[in-house]
N, C-alpha and C. Protein backbone atom coordinates (compact mmCIF):
# COMPACT_ATOMS: atom_id res chain seq x y z
N MET A 1 118.79 107.77 109.35
CA MET A 1 117.59 107.85 108.57
C MET A 1 117.40 106.67 107.72
N SER A 2 116.23 106.11 107.70
CA SER A 2 115.98 104.89 106.93
C SER A 2 115.91 105.19 105.46
N PRO A 3 116.15 104.23 104.58
CA PRO A 3 116.12 104.50 103.11
C PRO A 3 114.75 104.98 102.64
N SER A 4 113.66 104.48 103.30
CA SER A 4 112.33 104.93 102.86
C SER A 4 112.09 106.35 103.26
N SER A 5 112.57 106.75 104.42
CA SER A 5 112.42 108.14 104.88
C SER A 5 113.28 109.09 104.00
N TYR A 6 114.42 108.59 103.58
CA TYR A 6 115.29 109.38 102.73
C TYR A 6 114.62 109.60 101.40
N ALA A 7 114.05 108.56 100.84
CA ALA A 7 113.32 108.65 99.53
C ALA A 7 112.16 109.58 99.59
N LEU A 8 111.43 109.53 100.71
CA LEU A 8 110.25 110.36 100.86
C LEU A 8 110.66 111.79 100.97
N SER A 9 111.77 112.05 101.74
CA SER A 9 112.19 113.44 101.87
C SER A 9 112.76 113.99 100.56
N CYS A 10 113.43 113.14 99.74
CA CYS A 10 113.95 113.62 98.45
C CYS A 10 112.77 113.91 97.54
N LEU A 11 111.77 113.04 97.51
CA LEU A 11 110.64 113.26 96.63
C LEU A 11 109.81 114.50 97.04
N SER A 12 109.70 114.68 98.35
CA SER A 12 108.87 115.78 98.85
C SER A 12 109.57 117.14 98.74
N SER A 13 110.93 117.13 98.72
CA SER A 13 111.66 118.35 98.68
C SER A 13 111.99 118.84 97.22
N CYS A 14 111.47 118.24 96.24
CA CYS A 14 111.82 118.60 94.90
C CYS A 14 110.95 119.81 94.42
N SER A 15 110.04 120.28 95.13
CA SER A 15 109.24 121.41 94.70
C SER A 15 109.95 122.73 94.99
N ASN A 16 109.48 123.80 94.35
CA ASN A 16 110.09 125.09 94.50
C ASN A 16 109.72 125.84 95.72
N SER A 17 108.41 125.92 96.00
CA SER A 17 107.97 126.77 97.04
C SER A 17 107.98 126.06 98.41
N ALA A 18 108.16 126.92 99.45
CA ALA A 18 108.20 126.36 100.83
C ALA A 18 106.83 125.79 101.22
N ALA A 19 105.77 126.41 100.77
CA ALA A 19 104.44 125.97 101.07
C ALA A 19 104.21 124.59 100.48
N ARG A 20 104.60 124.37 99.27
CA ARG A 20 104.45 123.02 98.63
C ARG A 20 105.31 122.02 99.30
N TRP A 21 106.45 122.43 99.76
CA TRP A 21 107.37 121.51 100.48
C TRP A 21 106.76 121.07 101.77
N ARG A 22 106.18 122.01 102.56
CA ARG A 22 105.52 121.68 103.80
C ARG A 22 104.35 120.76 103.60
N THR A 23 103.57 121.03 102.55
CA THR A 23 102.40 120.22 102.25
C THR A 23 102.85 118.82 101.84
N ALA A 24 103.91 118.70 101.07
CA ALA A 24 104.37 117.37 100.66
C ALA A 24 104.92 116.57 101.85
N ARG A 25 105.61 117.24 102.72
CA ARG A 25 106.15 116.53 103.89
C ARG A 25 104.98 116.05 104.77
N SER A 26 104.01 116.95 105.00
CA SER A 26 102.89 116.52 105.87
C SER A 26 102.12 115.38 105.23
N LEU A 27 101.97 115.40 103.94
CA LEU A 27 101.25 114.34 103.24
C LEU A 27 102.07 113.03 103.37
N ALA A 28 103.36 113.10 103.19
CA ALA A 28 104.20 111.95 103.32
C ALA A 28 104.16 111.34 104.71
N THR A 29 104.15 112.22 105.71
CA THR A 29 104.04 111.74 107.11
C THR A 29 102.68 111.13 107.38
N PHE A 30 101.69 111.76 106.84
CA PHE A 30 100.28 111.22 107.05
C PHE A 30 100.15 109.88 106.45
N LEU A 31 100.68 109.62 105.21
CA LEU A 31 100.55 108.36 104.58
C LEU A 31 101.49 107.30 105.16
N ARG A 32 102.60 107.77 105.65
CA ARG A 32 103.55 106.77 106.27
C ARG A 32 102.97 106.10 107.50
N THR A 33 102.29 106.87 108.36
CA THR A 33 101.79 106.34 109.59
C THR A 33 100.72 105.23 109.43
N PRO A 34 99.63 105.52 108.66
CA PRO A 34 98.67 104.40 108.50
C PRO A 34 99.21 103.33 107.58
N GLY A 35 100.13 103.64 106.65
CA GLY A 35 100.69 102.64 105.83
C GLY A 35 101.54 101.65 106.61
N GLY A 36 102.27 102.13 107.58
CA GLY A 36 103.08 101.26 108.47
C GLY A 36 102.19 100.38 109.26
N SER A 37 101.10 100.91 109.81
CA SER A 37 100.17 100.14 110.62
C SER A 37 99.55 99.05 109.85
N VAL A 38 99.02 99.43 108.67
CA VAL A 38 98.35 98.42 107.82
C VAL A 38 99.34 97.32 107.35
N SER A 39 100.53 97.75 106.97
CA SER A 39 101.50 96.69 106.46
C SER A 39 101.95 95.83 107.58
N ALA A 40 102.10 96.35 108.82
CA ALA A 40 102.49 95.47 109.96
C ALA A 40 101.38 94.48 110.23
N SER A 41 100.16 94.93 110.23
CA SER A 41 99.01 94.02 110.50
C SER A 41 98.87 93.02 109.37
N LEU A 42 99.00 93.43 108.13
CA LEU A 42 98.85 92.52 107.04
C LEU A 42 100.00 91.47 107.02
N THR A 43 101.23 91.88 107.37
CA THR A 43 102.35 90.95 107.37
C THR A 43 102.14 89.93 108.50
N THR A 44 101.67 90.37 109.64
CA THR A 44 101.44 89.45 110.76
C THR A 44 100.36 88.47 110.43
N PHE A 45 99.23 88.95 109.76
CA PHE A 45 98.14 88.07 109.37
C PHE A 45 98.61 87.05 108.39
N LEU A 46 99.38 87.51 107.36
CA LEU A 46 99.87 86.47 106.38
C LEU A 46 100.83 85.51 106.96
N TRP A 47 101.67 85.95 107.84
CA TRP A 47 102.63 85.07 108.50
C TRP A 47 101.95 84.01 109.35
N ASP A 48 100.94 84.42 110.11
CA ASP A 48 100.21 83.47 110.90
C ASP A 48 99.39 82.48 110.03
N ARG A 49 98.84 82.98 108.96
CA ARG A 49 98.07 82.17 108.06
C ARG A 49 98.96 81.10 107.43
N ARG A 50 100.12 81.48 106.94
CA ARG A 50 101.07 80.53 106.32
C ARG A 50 101.58 79.53 107.35
N ALA A 51 101.78 79.97 108.57
CA ALA A 51 102.23 79.02 109.62
C ALA A 51 101.10 78.03 109.88
N ASP A 52 99.90 78.43 109.91
CA ASP A 52 98.78 77.48 110.09
C ASP A 52 98.76 76.48 108.93
N GLN A 53 98.97 76.93 107.74
CA GLN A 53 99.00 75.96 106.60
C GLN A 53 100.15 75.02 106.69
N HIS A 54 101.28 75.46 107.15
CA HIS A 54 102.47 74.57 107.31
C HIS A 54 102.30 73.69 108.51
N HIS A 55 101.41 73.97 109.42
CA HIS A 55 101.12 73.11 110.56
C HIS A 55 100.05 72.08 110.14
N ALA A 56 99.14 72.46 109.28
CA ALA A 56 98.08 71.55 108.84
C ALA A 56 98.54 70.41 108.00
N ARG A 57 99.45 70.73 107.05
CA ARG A 57 99.87 69.65 106.13
C ARG A 57 100.49 68.50 106.82
N PRO A 58 101.51 68.65 107.72
CA PRO A 58 102.07 67.48 108.36
C PRO A 58 101.10 66.83 109.34
N ALA A 59 100.27 67.68 109.97
CA ALA A 59 99.37 67.13 110.98
C ALA A 59 98.31 66.24 110.47
N GLU A 60 98.05 66.44 109.12
CA GLU A 60 97.03 65.64 108.43
C GLU A 60 97.50 64.12 108.33
N HIS A 61 98.77 63.95 108.36
CA HIS A 61 99.31 62.57 108.21
C HIS A 61 99.42 61.85 109.55
N ILE A 62 99.18 62.51 110.62
CA ILE A 62 99.30 61.87 111.93
C ILE A 62 97.88 61.43 112.32
N THR A 63 97.60 60.13 112.11
CA THR A 63 96.33 59.56 112.46
C THR A 63 96.57 58.27 113.24
N MET A 64 95.55 57.73 113.79
CA MET A 64 95.63 56.49 114.47
C MET A 64 95.94 55.29 113.53
N TYR A 65 95.66 55.52 112.26
CA TYR A 65 95.89 54.43 111.26
C TYR A 65 97.27 54.47 110.63
N ASN A 66 98.05 55.34 111.10
CA ASN A 66 99.49 55.44 110.62
C ASN A 66 100.37 54.88 111.73
N PRO A 67 100.87 53.66 111.55
CA PRO A 67 101.63 53.04 112.64
C PRO A 67 102.94 53.78 112.96
N TYR A 68 103.57 54.39 112.00
CA TYR A 68 104.81 55.11 112.22
C TYR A 68 104.56 56.32 113.09
N ALA A 69 103.47 57.07 112.77
CA ALA A 69 103.15 58.21 113.56
C ALA A 69 102.74 57.86 115.00
N MET A 70 102.02 56.78 115.13
CA MET A 70 101.60 56.36 116.45
C MET A 70 102.82 55.89 117.30
N ARG A 71 103.69 55.28 116.67
CA ARG A 71 104.92 54.83 117.40
C ARG A 71 105.76 56.08 117.83
N ALA A 72 105.83 57.09 116.98
CA ALA A 72 106.56 58.30 117.34
C ALA A 72 105.87 59.07 118.51
N VAL A 73 104.53 59.09 118.42
CA VAL A 73 103.78 59.74 119.52
C VAL A 73 103.95 59.04 120.81
N HIS A 74 103.95 57.69 120.76
CA HIS A 74 104.11 56.92 121.96
C HIS A 74 105.50 57.03 122.60
N GLN A 75 106.55 57.08 121.68
CA GLN A 75 107.91 57.27 122.18
C GLN A 75 108.14 58.68 122.72
N LEU A 76 107.57 59.74 122.05
CA LEU A 76 107.77 61.10 122.52
C LEU A 76 107.14 61.27 123.93
N GLY A 77 105.99 60.62 124.15
CA GLY A 77 105.30 60.82 125.38
C GLY A 77 105.78 59.87 126.46
N GLY A 78 106.71 59.05 126.18
CA GLY A 78 107.18 58.09 127.21
C GLY A 78 106.09 57.13 127.55
N GLY A 79 105.24 56.76 126.62
CA GLY A 79 104.18 55.82 126.89
C GLY A 79 102.83 56.47 127.01
N ASP A 80 102.79 57.79 127.20
CA ASP A 80 101.50 58.50 127.28
C ASP A 80 101.26 59.18 125.98
N ASP A 81 100.18 58.71 125.29
CA ASP A 81 99.96 59.21 123.93
C ASP A 81 99.47 60.72 123.97
N GLN A 82 98.83 61.11 124.99
CA GLN A 82 98.38 62.50 125.07
C GLN A 82 99.60 63.49 125.19
N VAL A 83 100.53 63.15 126.00
CA VAL A 83 101.77 63.92 126.15
C VAL A 83 102.55 63.91 124.85
N GLY A 84 102.63 62.77 124.22
CA GLY A 84 103.39 62.62 122.98
C GLY A 84 102.76 63.42 121.83
N ALA A 85 101.41 63.40 121.81
CA ALA A 85 100.77 64.23 120.80
C ALA A 85 100.99 65.72 121.03
N GLY A 86 100.95 66.16 122.21
CA GLY A 86 101.27 67.52 122.57
C GLY A 86 102.62 67.99 122.17
N ILE A 87 103.62 67.09 122.40
CA ILE A 87 105.02 67.35 122.08
C ILE A 87 105.16 67.40 120.56
N LEU A 88 104.54 66.49 119.85
CA LEU A 88 104.61 66.44 118.39
C LEU A 88 103.91 67.67 117.80
N ASN A 89 102.78 68.06 118.39
CA ASN A 89 102.10 69.25 117.91
C ASN A 89 102.99 70.49 118.08
N GLY A 90 103.67 70.61 119.19
CA GLY A 90 104.60 71.72 119.43
C GLY A 90 105.77 71.70 118.45
N MET A 91 106.24 70.53 118.09
CA MET A 91 107.35 70.44 117.14
C MET A 91 106.94 70.87 115.77
N ILE A 92 105.72 70.49 115.35
CA ILE A 92 105.19 70.88 114.09
C ILE A 92 104.98 72.39 114.00
N THR A 93 104.44 72.95 115.05
CA THR A 93 104.21 74.40 115.13
C THR A 93 105.60 75.11 115.10
N GLN A 94 106.51 74.57 115.84
CA GLN A 94 107.89 75.18 115.84
C GLN A 94 108.52 75.25 114.50
N GLN A 95 108.28 74.27 113.66
CA GLN A 95 108.84 74.27 112.36
C GLN A 95 108.04 75.05 111.33
N GLY A 96 106.71 75.23 111.58
CA GLY A 96 105.88 75.96 110.63
C GLY A 96 106.13 77.45 110.58
N TYR A 97 106.40 78.07 111.74
CA TYR A 97 106.60 79.52 111.72
C TYR A 97 107.89 79.94 111.01
N PRO A 98 109.01 79.30 111.18
CA PRO A 98 110.17 79.73 110.36
C PRO A 98 109.98 79.51 108.84
N ILE A 99 109.28 78.45 108.45
CA ILE A 99 109.04 78.21 107.05
C ILE A 99 108.14 79.32 106.53
N ALA A 100 107.09 79.66 107.30
CA ALA A 100 106.16 80.75 106.85
C ALA A 100 106.92 82.09 106.76
N PHE A 101 107.79 82.35 107.77
CA PHE A 101 108.59 83.59 107.76
C PHE A 101 109.49 83.66 106.54
N ASN A 102 110.16 82.59 106.13
CA ASN A 102 111.00 82.57 104.95
C ASN A 102 110.16 82.83 103.68
N GLU A 103 109.05 82.16 103.59
CA GLU A 103 108.22 82.35 102.43
C GLU A 103 107.65 83.74 102.30
N LEU A 104 107.16 84.30 103.43
CA LEU A 104 106.60 85.67 103.38
C LEU A 104 107.63 86.64 103.04
N PHE A 105 108.82 86.62 103.64
CA PHE A 105 109.80 87.66 103.34
C PHE A 105 110.53 87.43 102.04
N HIS A 106 110.45 86.22 101.49
CA HIS A 106 110.92 85.98 100.14
C HIS A 106 109.96 86.75 99.20
N ALA A 107 108.67 86.62 99.40
CA ALA A 107 107.67 87.28 98.57
C ALA A 107 107.81 88.81 98.75
N LEU A 108 107.95 89.31 99.96
CA LEU A 108 108.09 90.77 100.20
C LEU A 108 109.35 91.26 99.50
N GLY A 109 110.38 90.49 99.48
CA GLY A 109 111.61 90.91 98.84
C GLY A 109 111.41 91.13 97.31
N TRP A 110 110.66 90.21 96.71
CA TRP A 110 110.34 90.28 95.28
C TRP A 110 109.44 91.51 95.02
N ILE A 111 108.51 91.77 95.88
CA ILE A 111 107.62 92.95 95.79
C ILE A 111 108.50 94.19 95.85
N PHE A 112 109.43 94.26 96.84
CA PHE A 112 110.30 95.39 96.96
C PHE A 112 111.12 95.64 95.76
N LEU A 113 111.71 94.53 95.20
CA LEU A 113 112.53 94.72 93.97
C LEU A 113 111.66 95.21 92.78
N GLY A 114 110.42 94.75 92.70
CA GLY A 114 109.50 95.22 91.68
C GLY A 114 109.21 96.69 91.79
N LEU A 115 109.01 97.10 93.07
CA LEU A 115 108.78 98.56 93.35
C LEU A 115 109.96 99.42 93.03
N VAL A 116 111.17 98.87 93.29
CA VAL A 116 112.45 99.60 93.00
C VAL A 116 112.49 99.85 91.46
N VAL A 117 112.18 98.79 90.71
CA VAL A 117 112.21 98.90 89.22
C VAL A 117 111.16 99.94 88.77
N PHE A 118 109.98 99.87 89.35
CA PHE A 118 108.88 100.81 89.04
C PHE A 118 109.28 102.24 89.29
N VAL A 119 109.87 102.49 90.46
CA VAL A 119 110.32 103.86 90.83
C VAL A 119 111.42 104.28 89.95
N TRP A 120 112.35 103.35 89.63
CA TRP A 120 113.52 103.70 88.80
C TRP A 120 113.04 104.15 87.39
N LEU A 121 112.05 103.50 86.85
CA LEU A 121 111.56 103.79 85.54
C LEU A 121 110.53 104.95 85.50
N ALA A 122 110.12 105.42 86.65
CA ALA A 122 109.11 106.52 86.64
C ALA A 122 109.76 107.81 86.23
N ARG A 123 109.01 108.64 85.55
CA ARG A 123 109.53 109.99 85.19
C ARG A 123 109.49 110.88 86.42
N PRO A 124 110.52 111.62 86.58
CA PRO A 124 110.47 112.55 87.71
C PRO A 124 109.43 113.62 87.54
N PRO A 125 108.85 114.15 88.59
CA PRO A 125 107.80 115.10 88.44
C PRO A 125 108.30 116.58 88.17
N PHE A 126 109.57 116.67 88.02
CA PHE A 126 110.08 118.01 87.82
C PHE A 126 110.95 118.06 86.53
N GLY A 127 111.05 119.20 85.95
CA GLY A 127 111.80 119.34 84.69
C GLY A 127 113.12 119.97 85.03
N ALA A 128 113.96 120.14 84.02
CA ALA A 128 115.25 120.78 84.19
C ALA A 128 115.06 122.22 84.56
N LYS A 129 115.69 122.72 85.58
CA LYS A 129 115.52 124.14 86.00
C LYS A 129 116.56 124.96 85.27
N SER A 130 116.11 126.07 84.73
CA SER A 130 117.00 127.00 84.05
C SER A 130 117.18 128.28 84.89
N ASP A 131 118.29 128.86 84.87
CA ASP A 131 118.52 130.08 85.53
C ASP A 131 118.00 131.19 84.65
N ALA A 132 117.20 132.10 85.18
CA ALA A 132 116.60 133.22 84.42
C ALA A 132 117.74 134.18 83.90
N GLY A 133 118.83 134.34 84.64
CA GLY A 133 119.87 135.28 84.22
C GLY A 133 120.75 134.68 83.15
N ALA A 134 120.82 133.40 83.05
CA ALA A 134 121.68 132.75 82.05
C ALA A 134 120.95 132.64 80.76
N GLY A 135 121.73 132.74 79.70
CA GLY A 135 121.05 132.59 78.39
C GLY A 135 120.77 131.12 78.06
N ALA A 136 119.82 130.91 77.17
CA ALA A 136 119.45 129.58 76.83
C ALA A 136 120.49 129.08 75.83
N HIS A 137 120.95 127.88 76.10
CA HIS A 137 121.99 127.30 75.20
C HIS A 137 121.47 126.10 74.57
């Protein structure tokens, strides 16, 4: 059982009646399904966007007026500048995705820690339960 499923089941099972428990579980399941879909799509979108940004920055410096870049393109292509430019483009893309992955999951880690603190400080929705047969002390 994943930690998020465990937390949802603990939160949804804190009610007294079985009807409320079933309602809470069905609501948790309903929210988990679209929430997972949206978060996966959003994460993929942000990862791809950051990879494009990490590709664009180094690629801006590769021009015909930069002799170092042109020499590298010529050497990578074995004399053919088109092949060298393709290889260099692949190398830049290959480096952009891991950098974007690290940045995105670093940010997601901070968001997760913030949510942990938020949940930790939240008041529980239930009060202390007293037994009707026992006297109040």
